[in-house]
Amino acid sequence: MRISMQHAFVARLGFAFAFAAIAANAGAGNDPLGYRTDLFVASNKNECSGVPSCLSATMARVVVPASKKKAERFACPDSHPNLWAWDSAQHEHVTVQMVAIDRRTVTVEGVNTTSTVGEFEVSLGCSTQPYAGSVVQQSRHLAPTRFMGHQHRSEARQASPPLSTDTSVCNGIRECQVQPQPWQDIGPWGSIAQGYTCVGAYPYANYYTYIQTGSPSISAMGIVRDVTPQTYDILMTNWNLFAHDKVEVILACSKYNINGGSCGGVQRDPNCPVIGGSQHTYCNGGPVPVCIQDWNERCSANQQLYQCTDELAITWCTPCPG
């Protein structure tokens, strides 16, 4: 599995907890962050985006007490037992974040940032087919609309700039073609997870970069899986509390498959013995430090080799020859 660390910044979940703590200590009923506590915001309905044979399962609302946290575990039904994605609706003052996930279930926690009771509602994207993706939504945060009138930049959607013509993303990559992707809008404290695919005579994704409008506020993390070497799966987050931003992903597409296609599909960690010296840690140098680990395992029973990756406490492995 290849992991691109260029522009790979994903904030730690502790950022959300710190934000909630500031709000909780600001004084009951004062709501200094400007949230409308009566506003329940609908989800983006992304739970079935790109999910084959998808069933959208909306769960009962979860009540989060004032200035408290509340976590619930949600499961896909027997008819569609494989969880692929999730999305949430919530009161504006409730931050929602994933804390655990497995093949069938996800545990989601709401953090109430005010002294007023709030709720969140989770929708699952469930499938009859085993999960074959690689990026799952981590959280959903909403900006306080009472501060919208004080933004430095307007919330209004602006026309997208022309697509980039910068070819530097291909530097050092053989038989490479730049393939810019359409501009996308990301809301305040919003996240999108999407696959970006190389096409035509240069079908393999080798690298990527991105640009955004406005002040720097977008972070991104992307991976190319062995089983889908043509696609970069990228998680992007807008850390601007108050304004939408547009972002353009630029792919470096090649005639050369960097992964070789030799490993199998993504699966759970078999927890076999770790091969000594195979552990690596990749850390970004940006303003929000985050590290990704990978390593190799070999099972004693059948000598099967696995390549494993840990990203934000979510571990996956692929069986490989060798």
Protein backbone atom coordinates (compact mmCIF):
# COMPACT_ATOMS: atom_id res chain seq x y z
CA MET A 1 0.00 0.00 0.00
CA ARG A 2 1.37 3.46 -0.93
CA ILE A 3 0.58 6.47 1.23
CA SER A 4 1.16 10.00 -0.04
CA MET A 5 2.29 12.29 2.74
CA GLN A 6 2.29 15.44 0.59
CA HIS A 7 -0.24 17.81 2.16
CA ALA A 8 -1.32 14.99 4.52
CA PHE A 9 -2.78 16.74 7.52
CA VAL A 10 -5.63 15.19 9.52
CA ALA A 11 -6.31 16.83 12.87
CA ARG A 12 -6.43 14.77 16.02
CA LEU A 13 -9.79 14.17 17.64
CA GLY A 14 -8.47 16.00 20.68
CA PHE A 15 -8.91 19.27 18.76
CA ALA A 16 -12.67 18.82 18.92
CA PHE A 17 -12.58 18.00 22.63
CA ALA A 18 -10.51 21.10 23.37
CA PHE A 19 -12.94 23.22 21.40
CA ALA A 20 -15.85 21.75 23.36
CA ALA A 21 -14.11 22.37 26.67
CA ILE A 22 -13.62 26.06 25.88
CA ALA A 23 -17.31 26.40 25.13
CA ALA A 24 -18.37 24.48 28.22
CA ASN A 25 -16.33 26.76 30.48
CA ALA A 26 -17.57 29.96 28.91
CA GLY A 27 -20.70 30.19 31.08
CA ALA A 28 -24.06 28.45 31.10
CA GLY A 29 -26.61 29.94 28.74
CA ASN A 30 -24.17 32.56 27.45
CA ASP A 31 -23.31 30.69 24.25
CA PRO A 32 -20.21 32.80 23.50
CA LEU A 33 -19.47 30.84 20.31
CA GLY A 34 -22.65 32.08 18.68
CA TYR A 35 -24.45 28.78 18.01
CA ARG A 36 -28.16 28.69 17.33
CA THR A 37 -29.18 25.98 19.75
CA ASP A 38 -32.62 25.56 18.14
CA LEU A 39 -31.20 24.72 14.69
CA PHE A 40 -31.12 21.03 13.70
CA VAL A 41 -29.07 20.73 10.49
CA ALA A 42 -29.88 17.98 7.98
CA SER A 43 -27.13 15.59 6.86
CA ASN A 44 -25.31 15.84 3.54
CA LYS A 45 -26.76 12.42 2.61
CA ASN A 46 -23.34 11.03 1.71
CA GLU A 47 -23.80 7.66 3.40
CA CYS A 48 -24.65 5.91 0.11
CA SER A 49 -22.31 7.88 -2.16
CA GLY A 50 -20.37 5.33 -4.22
CA VAL A 51 -21.72 2.39 -2.19
CA PRO A 52 -22.91 -0.61 -4.25
CA SER A 53 -26.33 -2.11 -3.44
CA CYS A 54 -26.70 0.55 -0.75
CA LEU A 55 -29.35 0.75 1.92
CA SER A 56 -29.55 4.03 3.83
CA ALA A 57 -30.42 3.23 7.44
CA THR A 58 -31.27 6.25 9.59
CA MET A 59 -30.99 5.62 13.32
CA ALA A 60 -32.92 7.11 16.23
CA ARG A 61 -31.73 10.48 17.46
CA VAL A 62 -29.26 10.55 20.34
CA VAL A 63 -29.71 13.14 23.09
CA VAL A 64 -26.49 14.82 24.27
CA PRO A 65 -26.80 16.53 27.68
CA ALA A 66 -25.64 20.11 28.10
CA SER A 67 -21.83 20.46 28.03
CA LYS A 68 -21.48 16.65 27.93
CA LYS A 69 -20.51 13.86 25.53
CA LYS A 70 -22.63 10.89 24.45
CA ALA A 71 -21.55 7.95 22.27
CA GLU A 72 -23.74 5.30 20.65
CA ARG A 73 -22.97 2.23 18.53
CA PHE A 74 -24.98 1.72 15.34
CA ALA A 75 -25.22 -1.48 13.27
CA CYS A 76 -26.27 -2.32 9.71
CA PRO A 77 -29.28 -4.63 9.36
CA ASP A 78 -29.00 -8.34 8.55
CA SER A 79 -30.21 -7.76 4.96
CA HIS A 80 -27.26 -5.39 4.27
CA PRO A 81 -24.65 -6.34 6.88
CA ASN A 82 -21.61 -4.50 5.46
CA LEU A 83 -20.99 -0.94 6.61
CA TRP A 84 -19.38 1.32 4.00
CA ALA A 85 -20.06 4.88 5.15
CA TRP A 86 -22.02 7.08 7.52
CA ASP A 87 -23.31 10.63 7.72
CA SER A 88 -25.04 12.68 10.39
CA ALA A 89 -27.65 15.33 11.04
CA GLN A 90 -27.26 17.32 14.23
CA HIS A 91 -27.99 20.41 16.23
CA GLU A 92 -25.60 23.16 15.25
CA HIS A 93 -23.92 23.14 18.67
CA VAL A 94 -23.24 19.36 18.70
CA THR A 95 -19.94 18.17 17.21
CA VAL A 96 -20.16 14.60 15.83
CA GLN A 97 -17.16 12.30 15.42
CA MET A 98 -16.40 8.62 14.84
CA VAL A 99 -14.62 6.83 17.68
CA ALA A 100 -14.70 3.18 16.48
CA ILE A 101 -15.67 1.15 13.42
CA ASP A 102 -15.75 -2.47 12.29
CA ARG A 103 -17.24 -4.49 9.43
CA ARG A 104 -20.84 -3.92 10.51
CA THR A 105 -20.96 -1.14 13.11
CA VAL A 106 -19.75 2.36 13.84
CA THR A 107 -19.57 4.12 17.19
CA VAL A 108 -20.27 7.83 16.92
CA GLU A 109 -19.93 10.40 19.69
CA GLY A 110 -21.65 13.75 20.04
CA VAL A 111 -19.91 16.55 21.96
CA ASN A 112 -22.24 19.29 23.18
CA THR A 113 -20.44 22.66 23.08
CA THR A 114 -23.10 24.65 24.97
CA SER A 115 -25.27 24.60 28.08
CA THR A 116 -28.33 23.58 26.03
CA VAL A 117 -29.35 19.96 25.35
CA GLY A 118 -28.71 18.86 21.76
CA GLU A 119 -29.21 15.83 19.51
CA PHE A 120 -27.57 14.04 16.59
CA GLU A 121 -28.90 11.49 14.11
CA VAL A 122 -26.69 8.98 12.26
CA SER A 123 -27.43 7.45 8.84
CA LEU A 124 -25.52 4.35 7.75
CA GLY A 125 -24.62 3.34 4.20
CA CYS A 126 -25.03 -0.45 4.32
CA SER A 127 -24.39 -2.91 1.50
CA THR A 128 -24.79 -6.57 0.60
CA GLN A 129 -21.20 -6.47 -0.67
CA PRO A 130 -18.07 -6.56 1.53
CA TYR A 131 -16.40 -3.21 2.10
CA ALA A 132 -13.85 -2.29 -0.58
CA GLY A 133 -13.28 1.37 0.17
CA SER A 134 -10.41 2.97 2.07
CA VAL A 135 -11.56 6.30 3.52
CA VAL A 136 -14.37 6.78 6.03
CA GLN A 137 -15.79 10.07 7.28
CA GLN A 138 -14.15 10.99 10.58
CA SER A 139 -16.37 13.79 11.85
CA ARG A 140 -18.83 16.55 11.06
CA HIS A 141 -18.58 20.01 12.59
CA LEU A 142 -20.88 22.97 11.98
CA ALA A 143 -20.08 26.66 12.17
CA PRO A 144 -22.04 28.96 14.53
CA THR A 145 -24.44 30.80 12.24
CA ARG A 146 -24.83 33.75 14.62
CA PHE A 147 -21.26 34.69 13.71
CA MET A 148 -21.87 34.47 9.98
CA GLY A 149 -22.40 38.21 9.67
CA HIS A 150 -18.87 38.80 10.99
CA GLN A 151 -16.99 36.64 8.51
CA HIS A 152 -13.88 38.01 6.88
CA ARG A 153 -14.96 36.26 3.68
CA SER A 154 -18.45 35.72 2.36
CA GLU A 155 -20.23 32.38 2.71
CA ALA A 156 -21.75 32.86 -0.72
CA ARG A 157 -20.69 30.25 -3.25
CA GLN A 158 -18.30 31.83 -5.72
CA ALA A 159 -17.59 30.73 -9.26
CA SER A 160 -14.79 28.16 -9.49
CA PRO A 161 -11.46 29.40 -10.90
CA PRO A 162 -10.07 27.81 -14.08
CA LEU A 163 -8.54 24.37 -13.60
CA SER A 164 -4.86 24.36 -12.74
CA THR A 165 -2.22 24.03 -15.45
CA ASP A 166 0.65 23.45 -12.99
CA THR A 167 2.67 20.40 -14.07
CA SER A 168 4.99 20.22 -11.04
CA VAL A 169 2.97 17.36 -9.50
CA CYS A 170 4.49 15.12 -12.19
CA ASN A 171 8.09 15.98 -11.29
CA GLY A 172 10.14 12.79 -10.94
CA ILE A 173 7.32 10.51 -12.17
CA ARG A 174 7.89 8.69 -15.44
CA GLU A 175 5.31 8.70 -18.25
CA CYS A 176 3.20 11.18 -16.29
CA GLN A 177 0.21 13.31 -17.22
CA VAL A 178 -1.42 16.00 -15.04
CA GLN A 179 -5.17 15.43 -14.63
CA PRO A 180 -6.87 18.26 -12.66
CA GLN A 181 -10.19 17.36 -11.04
CA PRO A 182 -13.31 19.56 -10.81
CA TRP A 183 -13.39 22.15 -8.04
CA GLN A 184 -15.40 21.17 -4.97
CA ASP A 185 -16.99 23.19 -2.19
CA ILE A 186 -16.34 22.24 1.45
CA GLY A 187 -18.44 23.87 4.16
CA PRO A 188 -17.16 25.29 7.47
CA TRP A 189 -15.56 22.53 9.56
CA GLY A 190 -16.78 20.15 6.88
CA SER A 191 -15.15 17.02 5.46
CA ILE A 192 -15.50 15.12 2.22
CA ALA A 193 -14.08 11.70 1.37
CA GLN A 194 -13.91 10.90 -2.32
CA GLY A 195 -12.06 8.83 -4.88
CA TYR A 196 -10.29 10.67 -7.71
CA THR A 197 -9.56 8.47 -10.72
CA CYS A 198 -6.99 8.69 -13.51
CA VAL A 199 -8.43 8.08 -16.97
CA GLY A 200 -7.35 7.54 -20.54
CA ALA A 201 -3.87 6.47 -21.65
CA TYR A 202 -2.42 7.37 -18.21
CA PRO A 203 -4.59 5.20 -15.95
CA TYR A 204 -2.51 4.86 -12.75
CA ALA A 205 -2.59 7.33 -9.84
CA ASN A 206 0.96 8.05 -8.70
CA TYR A 207 0.72 11.26 -6.71
CA TYR A 208 -1.50 14.25 -6.00
CA THR A 209 -1.54 17.81 -4.78
CA TYR A 210 -4.33 20.33 -4.25
CA ILE A 211 -5.02 24.06 -4.20
CA GLN A 212 -7.80 26.06 -2.56
CA THR A 213 -9.43 29.47 -2.69
CA GLY A 214 -9.14 31.90 0.19
CA SER A 215 -6.81 31.60 3.16
CA PRO A 216 -5.14 28.20 3.76
CA SER A 217 -7.60 26.07 5.73
CA ILE A 218 -7.88 22.73 3.87
CA SER A 219 -6.07 19.58 4.98
CA ALA A 220 -5.96 16.38 2.96
CA MET A 221 -4.83 12.78 3.31
CA GLY A 222 -4.82 10.36 0.39
CA ILE A 223 -4.01 6.72 -0.31
CA VAL A 224 -3.77 4.51 -3.38
CA ARG A 225 -4.81 0.92 -2.72
CA ASP A 226 -3.23 -2.03 -4.47
CA VAL A 227 -6.60 -3.28 -5.69
CA THR A 228 -7.58 0.08 -7.26
CA PRO A 229 -4.32 1.61 -8.54
CA GLN A 230 -6.17 4.06 -10.77
CA THR A 231 -7.81 5.91 -7.85
CA TYR A 232 -6.61 8.20 -5.08
CA ASP A 233 -8.98 8.06 -2.12
CA ILE A 234 -8.68 11.42 -0.39
CA LEU A 235 -10.15 12.76 2.85
CA MET A 236 -10.29 16.58 2.89
CA THR A 237 -11.30 18.79 5.81
CA ASN A 238 -11.97 22.52 5.95
CA TRP A 239 -10.79 23.82 9.34
CA ASN A 240 -12.24 27.27 8.74
CA LEU A 241 -14.98 27.73 11.36
CA PHE A 242 -16.99 30.26 9.45
CA ALA A 243 -16.60 30.05 5.67
CA HIS A 244 -16.91 27.70 2.72
CA ASP A 245 -13.82 27.07 0.61
CA LYS A 246 -13.28 25.57 -2.81
CA VAL A 247 -10.57 22.99 -3.40
CA GLU A 248 -9.11 21.43 -6.56
CA VAL A 249 -7.30 18.08 -6.51
CA ILE A 250 -4.58 17.62 -9.16
CA LEU A 251 -3.56 14.05 -9.97
CA ALA A 252 -0.25 12.84 -11.32
CA CYS A 253 -1.38 10.01 -13.60
CA SER A 254 1.06 7.60 -15.20
CA LYS A 255 1.31 4.62 -17.52
CA TYR A 256 3.30 2.97 -14.73
CA ASN A 257 1.51 1.14 -11.88
CA ILE A 258 3.47 1.93 -8.72
CA ASN A 259 1.66 -0.78 -6.76
CA GLY A 260 2.17 -3.63 -9.21
CA GLY A 261 -1.24 -5.05 -8.37
CA SER A 262 0.29 -7.93 -6.44
CA CYS A 263 -1.58 -7.66 -3.12
CA GLY A 264 -5.15 -8.60 -2.33
CA GLY A 265 -8.10 -6.60 -1.04
CA VAL A 266 -8.32 -4.65 2.18
CA GLN A 267 -9.32 -6.61 5.30
CA ARG A 268 -9.09 -6.51 9.07
CA ASP A 269 -5.80 -6.84 10.89
CA PRO A 270 -5.20 -10.61 11.40
CA ASN A 271 -2.99 -9.71 14.40
CA CYS A 272 -0.17 -12.02 13.30
CA PRO A 273 3.42 -11.54 14.52
CA VAL A 274 5.03 -8.32 13.26
CA ILE A 275 8.13 -8.79 11.11
CA GLY A 276 11.08 -7.12 12.78
CA GLY A 277 12.35 -4.00 11.04
CA SER A 278 9.21 -3.60 8.90
CA GLN A 279 7.64 -0.86 11.01
CA HIS A 280 7.67 2.66 9.56
CA THR A 281 6.19 5.93 10.80
CA TYR A 282 5.42 8.79 8.42
CA CYS A 283 4.79 12.22 9.99
CA ASN A 284 3.81 15.40 8.22
CA GLY A 285 5.55 18.68 8.93
CA GLY A 286 2.48 20.87 8.85
CA PRO A 287 0.74 22.92 11.55
CA VAL A 288 -1.37 19.95 12.66
CA PRO A 289 1.05 17.08 13.37
CA VAL A 290 -0.19 13.60 12.52
CA CYS A 291 1.58 10.33 11.89
CA ILE A 292 0.71 7.17 9.95
CA GLN A 293 2.29 3.82 10.70
CA ASP A 294 2.73 0.79 8.47
CA TRP A 295 4.31 -2.61 9.05
CA ASN A 296 4.35 -6.21 7.80
CA GLU A 297 2.96 -9.27 9.56
CA ARG A 298 3.37 -12.97 8.87
CA CYS A 299 0.96 -15.57 10.20
CA SER A 300 2.59 -18.66 11.68
CA ALA A 301 -0.10 -21.11 10.56
CA ASN A 302 0.13 -20.56 6.79
CA GLN A 303 3.09 -18.15 6.44
CA GLN A 304 0.79 -15.56 4.79
CA LEU A 305 2.36 -12.09 4.54
CA TYR A 306 0.27 -8.97 5.25
CA GLN A 307 1.00 -5.29 4.70
CA CYS A 308 -0.80 -3.25 7.37
CA THR A 309 -1.50 0.45 7.92
CA ASP A 310 -2.77 2.40 10.94
CA GLU A 311 -4.43 5.75 10.30
CA LEU A 312 -6.19 7.58 13.16
CA ALA A 313 -6.49 4.29 15.10
CA ILE A 314 -8.16 2.57 12.12
CA THR A 315 -6.11 -0.41 10.97
CA TRP A 316 -6.40 -2.32 7.70
CA CYS A 317 -4.22 -4.94 6.03
CA THR A 318 -3.79 -6.51 2.61
CA PRO A 319 -2.55 -10.09 1.99
CA CYS A 320 0.54 -10.10 -0.22
CA PRO A 321 2.84 -12.67 -1.81
CA GLY A 322 6.22 -13.22 -0.26
